[in-house]
C-alpha cells in the first residue's frame, strides 16, 4: 500500500475564486451548494474550503459540474499546473 503523499502547495491553486464561483452559481440558481454539485462535488468543495487551496483535479471536477473551464477562474495559473 502506497503511503499518502500530500500535494505540494506549489501544485495548488487558491480556493477563493473557485469557492466564490460555486457560491455565486448556487445563489443564482436558488439551490444549495450540495444540490448544485452533488455528493462528489460537495466533497471536493469542502476539501478546497478547508485547505484554502485546491488541486487542479479538484478545480476541474467542480468546473465540470458548473459547466465552465478552470481557465475562466484562474487564467494562466491553471495552464501552469496543467
PDB file of N, CA and C in Angstrom:
ATOM      1  N   UNK A   1       0.838  -1.180   0.000  1.00  0.00           N
ATOM      2  CA  UNK A   1       0.000   0.000   0.000  1.00  0.00           C
ATOM      3  C   UNK A   1       0.884   1.245   0.000  1.00  0.00           C
ATOM      4  N   UNK A   2       0.653   2.146  -0.920  1.00  0.00           N
ATOM      5  CA  UNK A   2       1.457   3.366  -1.028  1.00  0.00           C
ATOM      6  C   UNK A   2       1.118   4.324   0.100  1.00  0.00           C
ATOM      7  N   UNK A   3       2.124   5.000   0.574  1.00  0.00           N
ATOM      8  CA  UNK A   3       1.914   5.994   1.629  1.00  0.00           C
ATOM      9  C   UNK A   3       1.263   7.232   1.040  1.00  0.00           C
ATOM     10  N   UNK A   4       0.480   7.912   1.856  1.00  0.00           N
ATOM     11  CA  UNK A   4      -0.167   9.145   1.427  1.00  0.00           C
ATOM     12  C   UNK A   4       0.882  10.230   1.279  1.00  0.00           C
ATOM     13  N   UNK A   5       0.908  10.869   0.145  1.00  0.00           N
ATOM     14  CA  UNK A   5       1.829  11.980  -0.079  1.00  0.00           C
ATOM     15  C   UNK A   5       1.004  13.219  -0.385  1.00  0.00           C
ATOM     16  N   UNK A   6       1.003  14.202   0.512  1.00  0.00           N
ATOM     17  CA  UNK A   6       0.210  15.407   0.256  1.00  0.00           C
ATOM     18  C   UNK A   6       0.708  16.153  -0.968  1.00  0.00           C
ATOM     19  N   UNK A   7      -0.220  16.805  -1.628  1.00  0.00           N
ATOM     20  CA  UNK A   7       0.124  17.594  -2.803  1.00  0.00           C
ATOM     21  C   UNK A   7       0.880  18.839  -2.358  1.00  0.00           C
ATOM     22  N   UNK A   8       2.062  19.086  -2.908  1.00  0.00           N
ATOM     23  CA  UNK A   8       2.808  20.290  -2.528  1.00  0.00           C
ATOM     24  C   UNK A   8       2.007  21.560  -2.836  1.00  0.00           C
ATOM     25  N   UNK A   9       2.185  22.566  -2.009  1.00  0.00           N
ATOM     26  CA  UNK A   9       1.453  23.819  -2.199  1.00  0.00           C
ATOM     27  C   UNK A   9       1.712  24.431  -3.573  1.00  0.00           C
ATOM     28  N   UNK A  10       2.875  24.169  -4.140  1.00  0.00           N
ATOM     29  CA  UNK A  10       3.186  24.713  -5.463  1.00  0.00           C
ATOM     30  C   UNK A  10       2.278  24.134  -6.540  1.00  0.00           C
ATOM     31  N   UNK A  11       1.628  23.013  -6.251  1.00  0.00           N
ATOM     32  CA  UNK A  11       0.743  22.382  -7.218  1.00  0.00           C
ATOM     33  C   UNK A  11      -0.725  22.645  -6.902  1.00  0.00           C
ATOM     34  N   UNK A  12      -0.982  23.664  -6.123  1.00  0.00           N
ATOM     35  CA  UNK A  12      -2.348  24.014  -5.741  1.00  0.00           C
ATOM     36  C   UNK A  12      -2.678  25.437  -6.214  1.00  0.00           C
ATOM     37  N   UNK A  13      -3.962  25.659  -6.362  1.00  0.00           N
ATOM     38  CA  UNK A  13      -4.473  26.983  -6.712  1.00  0.00           C
ATOM     39  C   UNK A  13      -5.220  27.530  -5.502  1.00  0.00           C
ATOM     40  N   UNK A  14      -5.249  28.842  -5.315  1.00  0.00           N
ATOM     41  CA  UNK A  14      -6.017  29.399  -4.201  1.00  0.00           C
ATOM     42  C   UNK A  14      -7.496  29.054  -4.363  1.00  0.00           C
ATOM     43  N   UNK A  15      -8.133  28.715  -3.270  1.00  0.00           N
ATOM     44  CA  UNK A  15      -9.531  28.273  -3.320  1.00  0.00           C
ATOM     45  C   UNK A  15     -10.511  29.415  -3.554  1.00  0.00           C
ATOM     46  N   UNK A  16     -10.141  30.635  -3.231  1.00  0.00           N
ATOM     47  CA  UNK A  16     -11.058  31.773  -3.287  1.00  0.00           C
ATOM     48  C   UNK A  16     -11.869  31.903  -4.565  1.00  0.00           C
ATOM     49  N   UNK A  17     -11.239  31.952  -5.736  1.00  0.00           N
ATOM     50  CA  UNK A  17     -12.017  32.099  -6.967  1.00  0.00           C
ATOM     51  C   UNK A  17     -12.998  30.948  -7.206  1.00  0.00           C
ATOM     52  N   UNK A  18     -12.584  29.753  -6.876  1.00  0.00           N
ATOM     53  CA  UNK A  18     -13.447  28.587  -7.061  1.00  0.00           C
ATOM     54  C   UNK A  18     -14.640  28.638  -6.112  1.00  0.00           C
ATOM     55  N   UNK A  19     -14.377  28.902  -4.841  1.00  0.00           N
ATOM     56  CA  UNK A  19     -15.446  28.951  -3.847  1.00  0.00           C
ATOM     57  C   UNK A  19     -16.438  30.071  -4.161  1.00  0.00           C
ATOM     58  N   UNK A  20     -15.929  31.225  -4.562  1.00  0.00           N
ATOM     59  CA  UNK A  20     -16.810  32.350  -4.900  1.00  0.00           C
ATOM     60  C   UNK A  20     -17.694  32.011  -6.097  1.00  0.00           C
ATOM     61  N   UNK A  21     -17.136  31.338  -7.087  1.00  0.00           N
ATOM     62  CA  UNK A  21     -17.908  30.958  -8.271  1.00  0.00           C
ATOM     63  C   UNK A  21     -19.003  29.961  -7.908  1.00  0.00           C
ATOM     64  N   UNK A  22     -18.668  28.991  -7.070  1.00  0.00           N
ATOM     65  CA  UNK A  22     -19.663  28.000  -6.647  1.00  0.00           C
ATOM     66  C   UNK A  22     -20.768  28.684  -5.851  1.00  0.00           C
ATOM     67  N   UNK A  23     -20.386  29.518  -4.891  1.00  0.00           N
ATOM     68  CA  UNK A  23     -21.378  30.203  -4.062  1.00  0.00           C
ATOM     69  C   UNK A  23     -22.291  31.090  -4.911  1.00  0.00           C
ATOM     70  N   UNK A  24     -21.706  31.785  -5.878  1.00  0.00           N
ATOM     71  CA  UNK A  24     -22.485  32.649  -6.771  1.00  0.00           C
ATOM     72  C   UNK A  24     -23.448  31.819  -7.628  1.00  0.00           C
ATOM     73  N   UNK A  25     -22.962  30.720  -8.178  1.00  0.00           N
ATOM     74  CA  UNK A  25     -23.804  29.866  -9.024  1.00  0.00           C
ATOM     75  C   UNK A  25     -24.956  29.270  -8.217  1.00  0.00           C
ATOM     76  N   UNK A  26     -24.671  28.838  -6.991  1.00  0.00           N
ATOM     77  CA  UNK A  26     -25.735  28.281  -6.149  1.00  0.00           C
ATOM     78  C   UNK A  26     -26.773  29.354  -5.843  1.00  0.00           C
ATOM     79  N   UNK A  27     -26.317  30.552  -5.515  1.00  0.00           N
ATOM     80  CA  UNK A  27     -27.246  31.648  -5.237  1.00  0.00           C
ATOM     81  C   UNK A  27     -28.066  32.029  -6.455  1.00  0.00           C
ATOM     82  N   UNK A  28     -27.416  32.125  -7.604  1.00  0.00           N
ATOM     83  CA  UNK A  28     -28.112  32.488  -8.840  1.00  0.00           C
ATOM     84  C   UNK A  28     -29.192  31.466  -9.203  1.00  0.00           C
ATOM     85  N   UNK A  29     -28.913  30.210  -8.924  1.00  0.00           N
ATOM     86  CA  UNK A  29     -29.849  29.139  -9.281  1.00  0.00           C
ATOM     87  C   UNK A  29     -30.839  28.825  -8.157  1.00  0.00           C
ATOM     88  N   UNK A  30     -30.632  29.435  -7.007  1.00  0.00           N
ATOM     89  CA  UNK A  30     -31.540  29.224  -5.887  1.00  0.00           C
ATOM     90  C   UNK A  30     -31.481  27.821  -5.298  1.00  0.00           C
ATOM     91  N   UNK A  31     -30.283  27.236  -5.311  1.00  0.00           N
ATOM     92  CA  UNK A  31     -30.097  25.894  -4.758  1.00  0.00           C
ATOM     93  C   UNK A  31     -28.935  25.918  -3.768  1.00  0.00           C
ATOM     94  N   UNK A  32     -28.834  24.867  -2.977  1.00  0.00           N
ATOM     95  CA  UNK A  32     -27.700  24.751  -2.063  1.00  0.00           C
ATOM     96  C   UNK A  32     -26.466  24.298  -2.844  1.00  0.00           C
ATOM     97  N   UNK A  33     -25.311  24.482  -2.242  1.00  0.00           N
ATOM     98  CA  UNK A  33     -24.071  24.022  -2.862  1.00  0.00           C
ATOM     99  C   UNK A  33     -24.137  22.515  -3.090  1.00  0.00           C
ATOM    100  N   UNK A  34     -24.677  21.797  -2.132  1.00  0.00           N
ATOM    101  CA  UNK A  34     -24.801  20.343  -2.255  1.00  0.00           C
ATOM    102  C   UNK A  34     -25.693  19.957  -3.436  1.00  0.00           C
ATOM    103  N   UNK A  35     -26.804  20.656  -3.596  1.00  0.00           N
ATOM    104  CA  UNK A  35     -27.687  20.379  -4.732  1.00  0.00           C
ATOM    105  C   UNK A  35     -27.009  20.728  -6.054  1.00  0.00           C
ATOM    106  N   UNK A  36     -26.247  21.788  -6.052  1.00  0.00           N
ATOM    107  CA  UNK A  36     -25.560  22.239  -7.265  1.00  0.00           C
ATOM    108  C   UNK A  36     -24.480  21.255  -7.697  1.00  0.00           C
ATOM    109  N   UNK A  37     -23.681  20.789  -6.739  1.00  0.00           N
ATOM    110  CA  UNK A  37     -22.503  19.997  -7.070  1.00  0.00           C
ATOM    111  C   UNK A  37     -22.679  18.494  -6.938  1.00  0.00           C
ATOM    112  N   UNK A  38     -23.714  18.054  -6.249  1.00  0.00           N
ATOM    113  CA  UNK A  38     -23.854  16.630  -6.000  1.00  0.00           C
ATOM    114  C   UNK A  38     -22.899  16.195  -4.898  1.00  0.00           C
ATOM    115  N   UNK A  39     -22.969  14.942  -4.522  1.00  0.00           N
ATOM    116  CA  UNK A  39     -22.188  14.426  -3.404  1.00  0.00           C
ATOM    117  C   UNK A  39     -20.684  14.534  -3.630  1.00  0.00           C
ATOM    118  N   UNK A  40     -20.216  14.064  -4.776  1.00  0.00           N
ATOM    119  CA  UNK A  40     -18.781  14.095  -5.054  1.00  0.00           C
ATOM    120  C   UNK A  40     -18.279  15.528  -5.157  1.00  0.00           C
ATOM    121  N   UNK A  41     -19.002  16.380  -5.847  1.00  0.00           N
ATOM    122  CA  UNK A  41     -18.614  17.780  -5.975  1.00  0.00           C
ATOM    123  C   UNK A  41     -18.611  18.491  -4.641  1.00  0.00           C
ATOM    124  N   UNK A  42     -19.562  18.161  -3.787  1.00  0.00           N
ATOM    125  CA  UNK A  42     -19.629  18.759  -2.457  1.00  0.00           C
ATOM    126  C   UNK A  42     -18.381  18.401  -1.654  1.00  0.00           C
ATOM    127  N   UNK A  43     -17.912  17.175  -1.787  1.00  0.00           N
ATOM    128  CA  UNK A  43     -16.693  16.755  -1.082  1.00  0.00           C
ATOM    129  C   UNK A  43     -15.483  17.529  -1.590  1.00  0.00           C
ATOM    130  N   UNK A  44     -15.387  17.705  -2.899  1.00  0.00           N
ATOM    131  CA  UNK A  44     -14.285  18.484  -3.462  1.00  0.00           C
ATOM    132  C   UNK A  44     -14.321  19.924  -2.956  1.00  0.00           C
ATOM    133  N   UNK A  45     -15.512  20.497  -2.941  1.00  0.00           N
ATOM    134  CA  UNK A  45     -15.721  21.870  -2.466  1.00  0.00           C
ATOM    135  C   UNK A  45     -15.315  21.988  -0.999  1.00  0.00           C
ATOM    136  N   UNK A  46     -15.741  21.038  -0.171  1.00  0.00           N
ATOM    137  CA  UNK A  46     -15.429  21.079   1.259  1.00  0.00           C
ATOM    138  C   UNK A  46     -13.924  20.969   1.506  1.00  0.00           C
ATOM    139  N   UNK A  47     -13.249  20.116   0.753  1.00  0.00           N
ATOM    140  CA  UNK A  47     -11.796  19.980   0.905  1.00  0.00           C
ATOM    141  C   UNK A  47     -11.085  21.269   0.522  1.00  0.00           C
ATOM    142  N   UNK A  48     -11.515  21.871  -0.571  1.00  0.00           N
ATOM    143  CA  UNK A  48     -10.893  23.127  -1.008  1.00  0.00           C
ATOM    144  C   UNK A  48     -11.141  24.232   0.019  1.00  0.00           C
ATOM    145  N   UNK A  49     -12.342  24.303   0.549  1.00  0.00           N
ATOM    146  CA  UNK A  49     -12.670  25.316   1.557  1.00  0.00           C
ATOM    147  C   UNK A  49     -11.809  25.127   2.807  1.00  0.00           C
ATOM    148  N   UNK A  50     -11.684  23.898   3.249  1.00  0.00           N
ATOM    149  CA  UNK A  50     -10.927  23.615   4.462  1.00  0.00           C
ATOM    150  C   UNK A  50      -9.439  23.933   4.277  1.00  0.00           C
ATOM    151  N   UNK A  51      -8.892  23.555   3.131  1.00  0.00           N
ATOM    152  CA  UNK A  51      -7.466  23.747   2.882  1.00  0.00           C
ATOM    153  C   UNK A  51      -7.122  25.172   2.466  1.00  0.00           C
ATOM    154  N   UNK A  52      -8.103  25.893   1.927  1.00  0.00           N
ATOM    155  CA  UNK A  52      -7.820  27.225   1.411  1.00  0.00           C
ATOM    156  C   UNK A  52      -7.129  27.192   0.062  1.00  0.00           C
ATOM    157  N   UNK A  53      -7.005  26.003  -0.491  1.00  0.00           N
ATOM    158  CA  UNK A  53      -6.366  25.808  -1.789  1.00  0.00           C
ATOM    159  C   UNK A  53      -6.966  24.555  -2.410  1.00  0.00           C
ATOM    160  N   UNK A  54      -6.787  24.415  -3.715  1.00  0.00           N
ATOM    161  CA  UNK A  54      -7.356  23.271  -4.414  1.00  0.00           C
ATOM    162  C   UNK A  54      -6.373  22.746  -5.442  1.00  0.00           C
ATOM    163  N   UNK A  55      -6.388  21.444  -5.618  1.00  0.00           N
ATOM    164  CA  UNK A  55      -5.585  20.850  -6.675  1.00  0.00           C
ATOM    165  C   UNK A  55      -6.277  21.092  -8.010  1.00  0.00           C
ATOM    166  N   UNK A  56      -5.546  20.930  -9.066  1.00  0.00           N
ATOM    167  CA  UNK A  56      -6.137  21.091 -10.391  1.00  0.00           C
ATOM    168  C   UNK A  56      -7.254  20.072 -10.605  1.00  0.00           C
ATOM    169  N   UNK A  57      -7.091  18.877 -10.071  1.00  0.00           N
ATOM    170  CA  UNK A  57      -8.125  17.852 -10.187  1.00  0.00           C
ATOM    171  C   UNK A  57      -9.412  18.290  -9.494  1.00  0.00           C
ATOM    172  N   UNK A  58      -9.290  18.880  -8.310  1.00  0.00           N
ATOM    173  CA  UNK A  58     -10.468  19.376  -7.601  1.00  0.00           C
ATOM    174  C   UNK A  58     -11.139  20.492  -8.399  1.00  0.00           C
ATOM    175  N   UNK A  59     -10.346  21.414  -8.902  1.00  0.00           N
ATOM    176  CA  UNK A  59     -10.890  22.537  -9.676  1.00  0.00           C
ATOM    177  C   UNK A  59     -11.595  22.017 -10.923  1.00  0.00           C
ATOM    178  N   UNK A  60     -10.968  21.102 -11.632  1.00  0.00           N
ATOM    179  CA  UNK A  60     -11.582  20.557 -12.845  1.00  0.00           C
ATOM    180  C   UNK A  60     -12.885  19.831 -12.528  1.00  0.00           C
ATOM    181  N   UNK A  61     -12.899  19.072 -11.440  1.00  0.00           N
ATOM    182  CA  UNK A  61     -14.105  18.338 -11.063  1.00  0.00           C
ATOM    183  C   UNK A  61     -15.278  19.260 -10.776  1.00  0.00           C
ATOM    184  N   UNK A  62     -15.007  20.347 -10.083  1.00  0.00           N
ATOM    185  CA  UNK A  62     -16.076  21.300  -9.776  1.00  0.00           C
ATOM    186  C   UNK A  62     -16.470  22.082 -11.022  1.00  0.00           C
ATOM    187  N   UNK A  63     -15.503  22.506 -11.801  1.00  0.00           N
ATOM    188  CA  UNK A  63     -15.823  23.249 -13.025  1.00  0.00           C
ATOM    189  C   UNK A  63     -16.659  22.407 -13.985  1.00  0.00           C
ATOM    190  N   UNK A  64     -16.383  21.123 -14.065  1.00  0.00           N
ATOM    191  CA  UNK A  64     -17.194  20.237 -14.911  1.00  0.00           C
ATOM    192  C   UNK A  64     -18.655  20.285 -14.485  1.00  0.00           C
ATOM    193  N   UNK A  65     -18.891  20.314 -13.195  1.00  0.00           N
ATOM    194  CA  UNK A  65     -20.263  20.350 -12.682  1.00  0.00           C
ATOM    195  C   UNK A  65     -20.929  21.702 -12.911  1.00  0.00           C
ATOM    196  N   UNK A  66     -20.120  22.752 -12.999  1.00  0.00           N
ATOM    197  CA  UNK A  66     -20.659  24.098 -13.216  1.00  0.00           C
ATOM    198  C   UNK A  66     -20.782  24.445 -14.697  1.00  0.00           C
ATOM    199  N   UNK A  67     -20.132  23.661 -15.539  1.00  0.00           N
ATOM    200  CA  UNK A  67     -20.165  23.944 -16.972  1.00  0.00           C
ATOM    201  C   UNK A  67     -19.220  25.063 -17.373  1.00  0.00           C
ATOM    202  N   UNK A  68     -18.114  25.184 -16.655  1.00  0.00           N
ATOM    203  CA  UNK A  68     -17.115  26.192 -17.003  1.00  0.00           C
ATOM    204  C   UNK A  68     -15.751  25.517 -17.106  1.00  0.00           C
ATOM    205  N   UNK A  69     -14.744  26.291 -17.465  1.00  0.00           N
ATOM    206  CA  UNK A  69     -13.392  25.773 -17.605  1.00  0.00           C
ATOM    207  C   UNK A  69     -12.517  26.426 -16.538  1.00  0.00           C
ATOM    208  N   UNK A  70     -11.572  25.678 -15.952  1.00  0.00           N
ATOM    209  CA  UNK A  70     -10.701  26.269 -14.929  1.00  0.00           C
ATOM    210  C   UNK A  70      -9.994  27.543 -15.388  1.00  0.00           C
ATOM    211  N   UNK A  71      -9.693  27.653 -16.669  1.00  0.00           N
ATOM    212  CA  UNK A  71      -9.035  28.860 -17.175  1.00  0.00           C
ATOM    213  C   UNK A  71      -9.882  30.104 -16.928  1.00  0.00           C
ATOM    214  N   UNK A  72     -11.205  29.939 -16.947  1.00  0.00           N
ATOM    215  CA  UNK A  72     -12.101  31.074 -16.699  1.00  0.00           C
ATOM    216  C   UNK A  72     -11.919  31.623 -15.288  1.00  0.00           C
ATOM    217  N   UNK A  73     -11.524  30.784 -14.359  1.00  0.00           N
ATOM    218  CA  UNK A  73     -11.348  31.203 -12.972  1.00  0.00           C
ATOM    219  C   UNK A  73      -9.912  31.594 -12.648  1.00  0.00           C
ATOM    220  N   UNK A  74      -8.954  30.907 -13.263  1.00  0.00           N
ATOM    221  CA  UNK A  74      -7.555  31.070 -12.865  1.00  0.00           C
ATOM    222  C   UNK A  74      -6.619  31.573 -13.953  1.00  0.00           C
ATOM    223  N   UNK A  75      -7.084  31.662 -15.181  1.00  0.00           N
ATOM    224  CA  UNK A  75      -6.246  32.169 -16.263  1.00  0.00           C
ATOM    225  C   UNK A  75      -4.959  31.364 -16.418  1.00  0.00           C
ATOM    226  N   UNK A  76      -3.841  32.049 -16.605  1.00  0.00           N
ATOM    227  CA  UNK A  76      -2.573  31.369 -16.848  1.00  0.00           C
ATOM    228  C   UNK A  76      -2.119  30.452 -15.715  1.00  0.00           C
ATOM    229  N   UNK A  77      -2.549  30.701 -14.483  1.00  0.00           N
ATOM    230  CA  UNK A  77      -2.160  29.834 -13.381  1.00  0.00           C
ATOM    231  C   UNK A  77      -2.692  28.424 -13.598  1.00  0.00           C
ATOM    232  N   UNK A  78      -3.860  28.316 -14.180  1.00  0.00           N
ATOM    233  CA  UNK A  78      -4.421  26.996 -14.499  1.00  0.00           C
ATOM    234  C   UNK A  78      -3.540  26.289 -15.514  1.00  0.00           C
ATOM    235  N   UNK A  79      -3.131  26.981 -16.524  1.00  0.00           N
ATOM    236  CA  UNK A  79      -2.311  26.372 -17.566  1.00  0.00           C
ATOM    237  C   UNK A  79      -0.931  25.988 -17.032  1.00  0.00           C
ATOM    238  N   UNK A  80      -0.427  26.743 -16.078  1.00  0.00           N
ATOM    239  CA  UNK A  80       0.877  26.433 -15.486  1.00  0.00           C
ATOM    240  C   UNK A  80       0.828  25.065 -14.810  1.00  0.00           C
ATOM    241  N   UNK A  81      -0.285  24.771 -14.115  1.00  0.00           N
ATOM    242  CA  UNK A  81      -0.396  23.480 -13.430  1.00  0.00           C
ATOM    243  C   UNK A  81      -0.752  22.343 -14.369  1.00  0.00           C
ATOM    244  N   UNK A  82      -1.467  22.658 -15.426  1.00  0.00           N
ATOM    245  CA  UNK A  82      -1.864  21.615 -16.373  1.00  0.00           C
ATOM    246  C   UNK A  82      -0.642  21.163 -17.123  1.00  0.00           C
TER     247      UNK A  82
END
